[in-house]
Amino acid sequence: MTPFKPWKVQPVSRPPVFSVMFMQSSIALVVAGLGLAFGLGLVQVQSLVAGAIIQIVPHTVLALRSFASSFGDRDAVRAIYRGMNEKFLLTVCAFALVFKFWLEVNPLLFFIGYGVLQVSVWFVTPFLFNRLRKQ
């Protein structure tokens, strides 16, 4: 077994940003389908999907912003921080818009949809990166 060397980074030629977004969208559709199968109403399923979308869009913005800079270490770190700030602002604004203008939202299912997709990022992203490295 080879020792772990954190200073030896293997760059990914094509980051799986859209693959992660596609996998997350698929998971959101499966969760919505399960919600319909278990007898949730249309408003509840819409709440699940809205929570999922509010997680997918800002996360994609963060990923695109993070991989956009390849000029150097400082520029890459700045791009990641900028992407994190934009993700945070987009998420807060989306939450505010949903709770301000959508009166029929089910908050519990809304946050369940958001949380399921957030947890899926922890498992989907490493899986896709490892699959790309093996190719």
Protein backbone atom coordinates (compact mmCIF):
# COMPACT_ATOMS: atom_id res chain seq x y z
CA MET A 1 0.00 0.00 0.00
CA THR A 2 1.38 3.39 -0.98
CA PRO A 3 1.52 6.11 1.65
CA PHE A 4 -0.76 9.11 1.36
CA LYS A 5 1.07 12.10 -0.06
CA PRO A 6 -1.05 15.26 0.19
CA TRP A 7 1.50 17.31 -1.73
CA LYS A 8 1.09 15.11 -4.82
CA VAL A 9 -2.14 16.33 -6.33
CA GLN A 10 -3.47 14.61 -9.40
CA PRO A 11 -5.39 17.21 -11.37
CA VAL A 12 -8.64 16.27 -13.01
CA SER A 13 -8.58 17.27 -16.66
CA ARG A 14 -12.32 17.81 -16.87
CA PRO A 15 -14.02 18.51 -13.53
CA PRO A 16 -17.34 16.67 -13.16
CA VAL A 17 -19.41 19.78 -12.42
CA PHE A 18 -22.27 18.93 -14.74
CA SER A 19 -22.05 15.23 -13.90
CA VAL A 20 -22.56 16.09 -10.23
CA MET A 21 -25.45 18.39 -11.16
CA PHE A 22 -27.01 15.62 -13.26
CA MET A 23 -26.64 13.07 -10.45
CA GLN A 24 -28.15 15.51 -7.94
CA SER A 25 -31.05 16.23 -10.28
CA SER A 26 -31.61 12.50 -10.66
CA ILE A 27 -31.62 12.06 -6.89
CA ALA A 28 -34.11 14.93 -6.58
CA LEU A 29 -36.41 13.29 -9.13
CA VAL A 30 -36.16 9.95 -7.31
CA VAL A 31 -37.01 11.65 -4.00
CA ALA A 32 -39.97 13.41 -5.64
CA GLY A 33 -41.13 10.13 -7.18
CA LEU A 34 -40.89 8.40 -3.81
CA GLY A 35 -42.87 11.24 -2.28
CA LEU A 36 -45.63 10.76 -4.84
CA ALA A 37 -45.51 6.99 -4.40
CA PHE A 38 -45.94 7.31 -0.63
CA GLY A 39 -48.98 9.51 -1.03
CA LEU A 40 -47.62 13.01 -0.52
CA GLY A 41 -49.65 15.74 -2.13
CA LEU A 42 -48.52 17.96 -4.95
CA VAL A 43 -47.61 20.86 -2.63
CA GLN A 44 -45.46 18.59 -0.47
CA VAL A 45 -43.62 17.17 -3.49
CA GLN A 46 -43.14 20.69 -4.85
CA SER A 47 -41.65 21.65 -1.49
CA LEU A 48 -39.20 18.72 -1.72
CA VAL A 49 -38.19 19.67 -5.25
CA ALA A 50 -37.85 23.37 -4.37
CA GLY A 51 -35.48 22.52 -1.53
CA ALA A 52 -33.49 20.31 -3.87
CA ILE A 53 -33.27 22.99 -6.56
CA ILE A 54 -32.15 25.58 -4.01
CA GLN A 55 -29.28 23.26 -3.15
CA ILE A 56 -28.35 22.32 -6.73
CA VAL A 57 -28.14 25.78 -8.32
CA PRO A 58 -25.86 27.53 -5.78
CA HIS A 59 -23.67 24.44 -5.51
CA THR A 60 -23.21 24.43 -9.29
CA VAL A 61 -22.30 28.14 -9.20
CA LEU A 62 -19.69 27.37 -6.54
CA ALA A 63 -18.23 24.52 -8.57
CA LEU A 64 -18.08 26.53 -11.79
CA ARG A 65 -16.47 29.47 -10.02
CA SER A 66 -13.95 27.23 -8.25
CA PHE A 67 -12.77 25.46 -11.40
CA ALA A 68 -12.79 28.59 -13.57
CA SER A 69 -9.48 29.94 -12.31
CA SER A 70 -6.30 28.17 -13.33
CA PHE A 71 -3.86 31.06 -13.19
CA GLY A 72 -2.18 30.22 -9.92
CA ASP A 73 -2.65 29.25 -6.32
CA ARG A 74 -3.75 32.67 -5.10
CA ASP A 75 -6.22 33.15 -7.93
CA ALA A 76 -7.63 29.68 -7.34
CA VAL A 77 -8.11 30.36 -3.63
CA ARG A 78 -9.74 33.73 -4.39
CA ALA A 79 -12.04 32.05 -6.91
CA ILE A 80 -13.06 29.43 -4.34
CA TYR A 81 -13.79 32.08 -1.70
CA ARG A 82 -15.73 34.15 -4.23
CA GLY A 83 -17.70 31.05 -5.21
CA MET A 84 -18.43 30.23 -1.56
CA ASN A 85 -19.68 33.76 -0.94
CA GLU A 86 -21.87 33.65 -4.03
CA LYS A 87 -23.25 30.25 -3.02
CA PHE A 88 -24.10 31.54 0.45
CA LEU A 89 -25.80 34.68 -0.91
CA LEU A 90 -27.74 32.74 -3.55
CA THR A 91 -28.92 30.24 -0.95
CA VAL A 92 -30.03 32.91 1.52
CA CYS A 93 -31.82 34.88 -1.21
CA ALA A 94 -33.54 31.75 -2.50
CA PHE A 95 -34.70 30.81 1.01
CA ALA A 96 -36.02 34.33 1.54
CA LEU A 97 -37.85 34.36 -1.79
CA VAL A 98 -39.45 30.97 -1.17
CA PHE A 99 -40.66 31.80 2.31
CA LYS A 100 -41.75 35.33 1.36
CA PHE A 101 -43.70 34.62 -1.84
CA TRP A 102 -44.67 30.95 -1.76
CA LEU A 103 -47.39 30.69 0.86
CA GLU A 104 -48.11 26.97 0.48
CA VAL A 105 -44.58 25.72 1.12
CA ASN A 106 -44.18 22.86 3.59
CA PRO A 107 -41.06 23.91 5.57
CA LEU A 108 -40.24 20.43 6.89
CA LEU A 109 -40.26 18.80 3.46
CA PHE A 110 -38.54 21.84 1.96
CA PHE A 111 -35.58 21.43 4.32
CA ILE A 112 -35.63 17.63 3.91
CA GLY A 113 -35.24 18.11 0.15
CA TYR A 114 -32.41 20.57 0.73
CA GLY A 115 -30.72 18.29 3.26
CA VAL A 116 -30.97 15.12 1.17
CA LEU A 117 -29.26 16.85 -1.72
CA GLN A 118 -26.64 18.40 0.52
CA VAL A 119 -25.76 14.98 1.92
CA SER A 120 -25.71 13.51 -1.58
CA VAL A 121 -22.90 15.94 -2.48
CA TRP A 122 -20.70 14.22 0.08
CA PHE A 123 -21.15 10.85 -1.64
CA VAL A 124 -21.68 11.69 -5.32
CA THR A 125 -18.67 13.99 -5.81
CA PRO A 126 -15.96 11.58 -4.56
CA PHE A 127 -17.57 8.77 -6.56
CA LEU A 128 -17.43 10.81 -9.78
CA PHE A 129 -13.88 12.05 -9.16
CA ASN A 130 -12.66 8.48 -8.57
CA ARG A 131 -14.44 7.30 -11.70
CA LEU A 132 -12.74 10.04 -13.75
CA ARG A 133 -9.30 9.18 -12.36
CA LYS A 134 -9.69 5.54 -13.37
CA GLN A 135 -10.41 6.48 -16.99
